Amino acid sequence: MSDSVIAAQRAALGDLYRRHAPPPGTPYALVDFPDHPNVGDSAIWLGEIAMLRDIGAGDPAYVCRWDDFDEAAFRAACPTGPILIHGGGNLGDVWTHHQRFREMLLTRFRDRRIVQLPQSIHFRDAANRDHFAAIVKGHPDFHLFVRDEASLAQARRHLGCPVELAPDSAFGLGTLPRAVAPDCDILMLLRSDSERAARDDTGLRALPGAVALDWLTEDAVTATDPTARAQARVARGLDLLSRGERIVTDRLHGHILALLLGIPHVILDNDYGKVAAYHAAWTAASPLVRQAGTVEDAIAGLAA
């Protein structure tokens, strides 16, 4: 059943990319490369590259981070062709630098098709949402893909652009082998950033055989090629997750990569419901995952 859940999401991604990627030989841009230690964003990037290669679009002619975009270099590399924006969970006002970059692209490049690859949407301030909606309204060829029903409803209600539900692009990686042999009973990948839910994890951390960590620190990544940098980060994340016979996580890509690795796991939520929303939309049929609303539920799920 888990393999069928993975295959269904990869098939849905194939449909998305075939409809919106350019024909072979047409240059295109894939922007907002995630040059930071969060493994999940690198997994999305590698899934995006895998899907683009799989459908014959080839590699992007232009790649940039949010903070090093060069318009002249972009136009030289991509005289025509669309701009694809890296997917993830930063559409909104939680991670503002990514949002400002997105808004700049929509404002400056109204002559290009812009495709936002699958994202979760969360605005804490309605004024920021309305500001973005006004920018979207001004672009004639913006296509938005979202990862869950709540994001879909919000986009349809407020943004006024073509919007569709689609899986997270990390599923473009397909099934994965365990990277290392397990060395602990329970690996707990728990958020330590601004999306962490208000929750006391003391009971979880006290479980026998539990190891708790996050994946936001790394040794220096020496590769200069963006895809190679992403590969190094995902390899580190797969090593971490593979340590656990079982996993508890409140990170969406802790859940997604555990599923791709075939590891049983329990999911808790982030602070705005992103993990549970994705599970409800795409992965609830997998027998490998149990959803927990509380720490007590998570402990019970591990015992089941």
Protein backbone atom coordinates (compact mmCIF):
# COMPACT_ATOMS: atom_id res chain seq x y z
CA MET A 1 0.00 0.00 0.00
CA SER A 2 2.82 2.46 0.79
CA ASP A 3 4.38 1.84 -2.62
CA SER A 4 1.04 2.62 -4.26
CA VAL A 5 0.75 5.85 -2.25
CA ILE A 6 4.20 6.88 -3.48
CA ALA A 7 3.48 5.85 -7.07
CA ALA A 8 0.22 7.81 -7.14
CA GLN A 9 1.95 10.99 -6.02
CA ARG A 10 4.77 10.56 -8.51
CA ALA A 11 2.20 10.06 -11.27
CA ALA A 12 0.39 13.25 -10.26
CA LEU A 13 3.69 15.13 -10.32
CA GLY A 14 4.39 13.78 -13.78
CA ASP A 15 1.12 15.28 -15.00
CA LEU A 16 1.96 18.67 -13.47
CA TYR A 17 5.46 18.83 -14.93
CA ARG A 18 4.43 17.62 -18.38
CA ARG A 19 1.81 20.38 -18.59
CA HIS A 20 4.00 23.23 -17.36
CA ALA A 21 7.62 22.45 -18.17
CA PRO A 22 8.88 23.66 -21.56
CA PRO A 23 9.51 21.31 -24.50
CA PRO A 24 12.96 19.72 -24.71
CA GLY A 25 15.54 22.26 -25.80
CA THR A 26 13.62 25.29 -24.51
CA PRO A 27 15.58 27.10 -21.77
CA TYR A 28 13.81 27.66 -18.48
CA ALA A 29 14.67 28.92 -15.00
CA LEU A 30 14.27 27.09 -11.70
CA VAL A 31 14.71 29.69 -8.97
CA ASP A 32 14.87 30.00 -5.18
CA PHE A 33 17.44 27.23 -4.76
CA PRO A 34 17.37 26.27 -1.04
CA ASP A 35 20.98 26.84 -0.03
CA HIS A 36 20.48 26.15 3.67
CA PRO A 37 20.67 23.12 5.98
CA ASN A 38 16.95 22.22 6.04
CA VAL A 39 17.04 18.78 4.41
CA GLY A 40 13.39 18.89 3.36
CA ASP A 41 13.89 21.78 0.96
CA SER A 42 16.83 20.00 -0.66
CA ALA A 43 14.69 16.87 -1.06
CA ILE A 44 12.10 18.97 -2.87
CA TRP A 45 14.80 20.41 -5.15
CA LEU A 46 16.12 16.96 -6.06
CA GLY A 47 12.57 15.77 -6.71
CA GLU A 48 11.99 18.75 -8.99
CA ILE A 49 15.17 18.03 -10.94
CA ALA A 50 14.27 14.33 -11.15
CA MET A 51 10.81 15.09 -12.55
CA LEU A 52 12.12 17.65 -15.05
CA ARG A 53 14.69 15.17 -16.31
CA ASP A 54 12.12 12.37 -16.36
CA ILE A 55 9.79 14.26 -18.70
CA GLY A 56 12.63 15.30 -21.01
CA ALA A 57 12.85 18.99 -20.07
CA GLY A 58 16.48 18.61 -19.02
CA ASP A 59 18.21 20.74 -16.41
CA PRO A 60 17.37 24.43 -15.92
CA ALA A 61 19.32 26.99 -17.92
CA TYR A 62 19.26 29.41 -14.99
CA VAL A 63 19.32 28.72 -11.23
CA CYS A 64 19.56 31.17 -8.35
CA ARG A 65 18.95 31.58 -4.65
CA TRP A 66 16.50 34.14 -3.34
CA ASP A 67 19.37 36.52 -2.61
CA ASP A 68 21.55 36.29 -5.75
CA PHE A 69 19.12 36.70 -8.65
CA ASP A 70 20.77 38.44 -11.63
CA GLU A 71 18.26 39.71 -14.16
CA ALA A 72 20.79 40.18 -16.96
CA ALA A 73 22.16 36.65 -16.47
CA PHE A 74 18.64 35.25 -16.36
CA ARG A 75 17.57 36.95 -19.59
CA ALA A 76 20.80 35.87 -21.32
CA ALA A 77 20.34 32.24 -20.26
CA CYS A 78 16.57 32.21 -20.83
CA PRO A 79 15.58 34.59 -23.62
CA THR A 80 12.27 32.70 -23.65
CA GLY A 81 10.75 30.00 -21.51
CA PRO A 82 9.06 29.92 -18.13
CA ILE A 83 10.20 30.66 -14.62
CA LEU A 84 9.59 27.76 -12.24
CA ILE A 85 9.68 28.68 -8.55
CA HIS A 86 10.93 26.04 -6.14
CA GLY A 87 8.18 24.48 -4.04
CA GLY A 88 7.98 24.01 -0.28
CA GLY A 89 6.30 25.71 2.64
CA ASN A 90 7.28 29.35 2.33
CA LEU A 91 4.36 30.94 0.49
CA GLY A 92 3.07 33.40 3.05
CA ASP A 93 4.56 35.62 5.73
CA VAL A 94 6.44 33.10 7.89
CA TRP A 95 9.58 33.04 5.70
CA THR A 96 9.46 36.58 4.36
CA HIS A 97 12.65 36.66 2.25
CA HIS A 98 11.34 33.88 0.02
CA GLN A 99 7.97 35.61 -0.26
CA ARG A 100 9.51 38.95 -1.21
CA PHE A 101 11.54 37.24 -3.92
CA ARG A 102 8.38 35.59 -5.28
CA GLU A 103 6.57 38.91 -5.30
CA MET A 104 9.47 40.57 -7.12
CA LEU A 105 9.37 37.96 -9.87
CA LEU A 106 5.62 38.34 -10.34
CA THR A 107 5.95 42.11 -10.50
CA ARG A 108 8.97 42.33 -12.80
CA PHE A 109 8.33 39.45 -15.23
CA ARG A 110 4.78 39.82 -16.43
CA ASP A 111 5.97 38.78 -19.90
CA ARG A 112 6.83 35.24 -18.71
CA ARG A 113 4.82 32.27 -17.61
CA ILE A 114 5.58 31.76 -13.91
CA VAL A 115 4.79 28.41 -12.31
CA GLN A 116 4.84 28.08 -8.55
CA LEU A 117 5.68 24.44 -7.87
CA PRO A 118 3.74 22.81 -4.99
CA GLN A 119 3.64 24.94 -1.85
CA SER A 120 1.76 25.21 1.43
CA ILE A 121 0.20 28.63 2.08
CA HIS A 122 0.11 30.35 5.44
CA PHE A 123 -0.38 34.05 6.11
CA ARG A 124 -0.49 35.13 9.74
CA ASP A 125 -1.55 38.66 8.71
CA ALA A 126 -4.43 39.13 6.27
CA ALA A 127 -2.88 42.38 5.05
CA ASN A 128 0.14 40.46 3.76
CA ARG A 129 -2.16 37.99 2.03
CA ASP A 130 -4.10 40.81 0.36
CA HIS A 131 -0.85 42.48 -0.74
CA PHE A 132 0.20 39.24 -2.43
CA ALA A 133 -3.24 38.81 -4.00
CA ALA A 134 -2.95 42.24 -5.64
CA ILE A 135 0.44 41.28 -7.11
CA VAL A 136 -0.94 37.98 -8.39
CA LYS A 137 -3.87 39.79 -10.01
CA GLY A 138 -1.43 41.86 -12.04
CA HIS A 139 0.28 38.85 -13.62
CA PRO A 140 -1.43 37.39 -16.71
CA ASP A 141 0.22 33.95 -16.69
CA PHE A 142 0.84 32.78 -13.13
CA HIS A 143 0.04 29.15 -12.27
CA LEU A 144 -0.05 28.04 -8.64
CA PHE A 145 0.18 24.50 -7.25
CA VAL A 146 -0.54 23.80 -3.59
CA ARG A 147 -0.03 20.73 -1.42
CA ASP A 148 -3.16 20.57 0.72
CA GLU A 149 -6.86 21.37 0.77
CA ALA A 150 -6.54 24.30 3.19
CA SER A 151 -4.03 26.00 0.90
CA LEU A 152 -6.26 25.27 -2.10
CA ALA A 153 -9.29 26.83 -0.41
CA GLN A 154 -7.31 29.91 0.61
CA ALA A 155 -5.89 30.40 -2.88
CA ARG A 156 -9.28 30.03 -4.52
CA ARG A 157 -10.87 32.42 -2.07
CA HIS A 158 -8.25 35.16 -2.14
CA LEU A 159 -5.71 34.91 -4.96
CA GLY A 160 -7.73 34.78 -8.17
CA CYS A 161 -5.23 32.77 -10.24
CA PRO A 162 -5.25 29.25 -11.70
CA VAL A 163 -4.59 26.93 -8.77
CA GLU A 164 -4.45 23.15 -8.48
CA LEU A 165 -3.72 20.57 -5.81
CA ALA A 166 -0.49 18.63 -6.31
CA PRO A 167 1.85 16.48 -4.21
CA ASP A 168 5.13 17.63 -2.76
CA SER A 169 7.88 17.35 -5.35
CA ALA A 170 10.09 15.28 -3.05
CA PHE A 171 7.98 12.32 -4.17
CA GLY A 172 9.80 12.68 -7.48
CA LEU A 173 12.63 10.81 -5.75
CA GLY A 174 10.58 7.61 -5.55
CA THR A 175 11.28 4.84 -3.05
CA LEU A 176 14.65 4.94 -1.29
CA PRO A 177 16.82 2.33 0.47
CA ARG A 178 17.81 2.79 4.09
CA ALA A 179 21.08 4.68 4.09
CA VAL A 180 22.54 3.07 7.25
CA ALA A 181 21.59 0.30 9.65
CA PRO A 182 19.38 1.42 12.58
CA ASP A 183 21.21 2.20 15.81
CA CYS A 184 18.28 3.37 17.99
CA ASP A 185 14.72 2.25 18.61
CA ILE A 186 13.07 5.67 18.11
CA LEU A 187 14.55 8.53 16.11
CA MET A 188 12.78 11.79 16.93
CA LEU A 189 13.18 14.49 14.30
CA LEU A 190 11.60 17.50 16.03
CA ARG A 191 11.48 21.11 14.86
CA SER A 192 13.61 23.74 16.59
CA ASP A 193 12.60 26.71 14.41
CA SER A 194 9.74 29.19 14.13
CA GLU A 195 7.27 26.56 12.90
CA ARG A 196 7.56 24.46 16.05
CA ALA A 197 4.20 23.95 17.76
CA ALA A 198 3.77 24.89 21.43
CA ARG A 199 4.16 21.42 22.90
CA ASP A 200 5.99 19.75 25.79
CA ASP A 201 7.99 16.84 24.38
CA THR A 202 9.41 15.70 27.73
CA GLY A 203 7.44 12.46 27.69
CA LEU A 204 8.63 11.57 24.22
CA ARG A 205 12.25 12.37 24.93
CA ALA A 206 12.14 10.17 28.04
CA LEU A 207 11.15 7.03 26.13
CA PRO A 208 13.75 4.23 26.31
CA GLY A 209 15.88 4.00 23.20
CA ALA A 210 14.87 7.45 21.92
CA VAL A 211 17.27 9.87 20.24
CA ALA A 212 15.96 13.41 19.64
CA LEU A 213 17.47 15.83 17.12
CA ASP A 214 16.75 18.30 14.35
CA TRP A 215 18.48 18.56 10.97
CA LEU A 216 19.26 22.28 10.86
CA THR A 217 23.00 22.05 11.49
CA GLU A 218 25.59 20.72 9.07
CA ASP A 219 29.27 20.58 8.34
CA ALA A 220 30.45 22.75 5.47
CA VAL A 221 29.04 21.66 2.10
CA THR A 222 31.90 22.05 -0.37
CA ALA A 223 30.17 21.27 -3.68
CA THR A 224 29.52 24.34 -5.83
CA ASP A 225 26.91 22.82 -8.14
CA PRO A 226 23.42 23.40 -6.63
CA THR A 227 22.17 19.88 -7.28
CA ALA A 228 25.31 18.39 -5.75
CA ARG A 229 24.84 20.59 -2.68
CA ALA A 230 21.24 19.37 -2.40
CA GLN A 231 22.39 15.76 -2.79
CA ALA A 232 24.86 16.15 0.08
CA ARG A 233 22.16 17.59 2.34
CA VAL A 234 19.61 14.91 1.50
CA ALA A 235 22.22 12.19 2.06
CA ARG A 236 22.80 13.62 5.54
CA GLY A 237 19.05 13.60 6.22
CA LEU A 238 18.63 10.02 5.01
CA ASP A 239 21.50 8.94 7.26
CA LEU A 240 19.79 10.58 10.24
CA LEU A 241 16.36 9.09 9.58
CA SER A 242 17.75 5.64 8.80
CA ARG A 243 19.18 5.46 12.32
CA GLY A 244 15.70 4.82 13.74
CA GLU A 245 13.83 1.53 13.78
CA ARG A 246 10.87 3.90 14.06
CA ILE A 247 10.54 7.66 13.73
CA VAL A 248 8.57 10.43 15.42
CA THR A 249 8.56 13.74 13.57
CA ASP A 250 6.78 17.07 13.29
CA ARG A 251 8.62 17.91 10.07
CA LEU A 252 6.71 17.34 6.83
CA HIS A 253 9.80 16.00 5.10
CA GLY A 254 10.63 13.83 8.07
CA HIS A 255 7.29 12.19 7.24
CA ILE A 256 7.80 12.16 3.46
CA LEU A 257 11.35 10.80 3.56
CA ALA A 258 10.40 8.20 6.20
CA LEU A 259 7.66 7.06 3.84
CA LEU A 260 10.08 6.88 0.89
CA LEU A 261 12.51 4.93 3.10
CA GLY A 262 9.79 2.51 4.21
CA ILE A 263 10.24 3.30 7.94
CA PRO A 264 7.23 3.18 10.30
CA HIS A 265 6.64 6.57 11.88
CA VAL A 266 4.34 8.79 13.93
CA ILE A 267 3.66 12.37 12.87
CA LEU A 268 2.93 15.39 15.04
CA ASP A 269 2.04 18.77 13.55
CA ASN A 270 3.87 22.04 13.06
CA ASP A 271 2.41 25.27 14.42
CA TYR A 272 -0.11 25.87 11.63
CA GLY A 273 -1.27 22.39 10.62
CA LYS A 274 0.93 21.78 7.56
CA VAL A 275 1.86 18.19 8.36
CA ALA A 276 -1.65 17.00 9.18
CA ALA A 277 -3.03 18.77 6.12
CA TYR A 278 -0.57 17.03 3.83
CA HIS A 279 -1.25 13.66 5.45
CA ALA A 280 -4.99 14.11 4.96
CA ALA A 281 -4.56 15.07 1.31
CA TRP A 282 -1.99 12.50 0.19
CA THR A 283 -0.59 9.92 2.61
CA ALA A 284 -3.36 8.79 4.96
CA ALA A 285 -3.66 5.43 3.15
CA SER A 286 -0.11 4.38 4.04
CA PRO A 287 0.11 1.78 6.84
CA LEU A 288 3.57 3.12 7.72
CA VAL A 289 2.29 6.36 9.30
CA ARG A 290 0.18 7.15 12.35
CA GLN A 291 -1.02 10.69 13.03
CA ALA A 292 -0.87 11.99 16.60
CA GLY A 293 -2.62 15.06 17.90
CA THR A 294 -0.75 15.14 21.19
CA VAL A 295 2.44 13.80 22.75
CA GLU A 296 0.32 11.21 24.55
CA ASP A 297 -1.15 10.10 21.21
CA ALA A 298 2.35 9.83 19.78
CA ILE A 299 3.49 7.62 22.66
CA ALA A 300 0.41 5.44 22.20
CA GLY A 301 1.07 5.27 18.46
CA LEU A 302 4.57 3.99 19.09
CA ALA A 303 3.18 1.29 21.38
CA ALA A 304 0.55 0.13 18.85
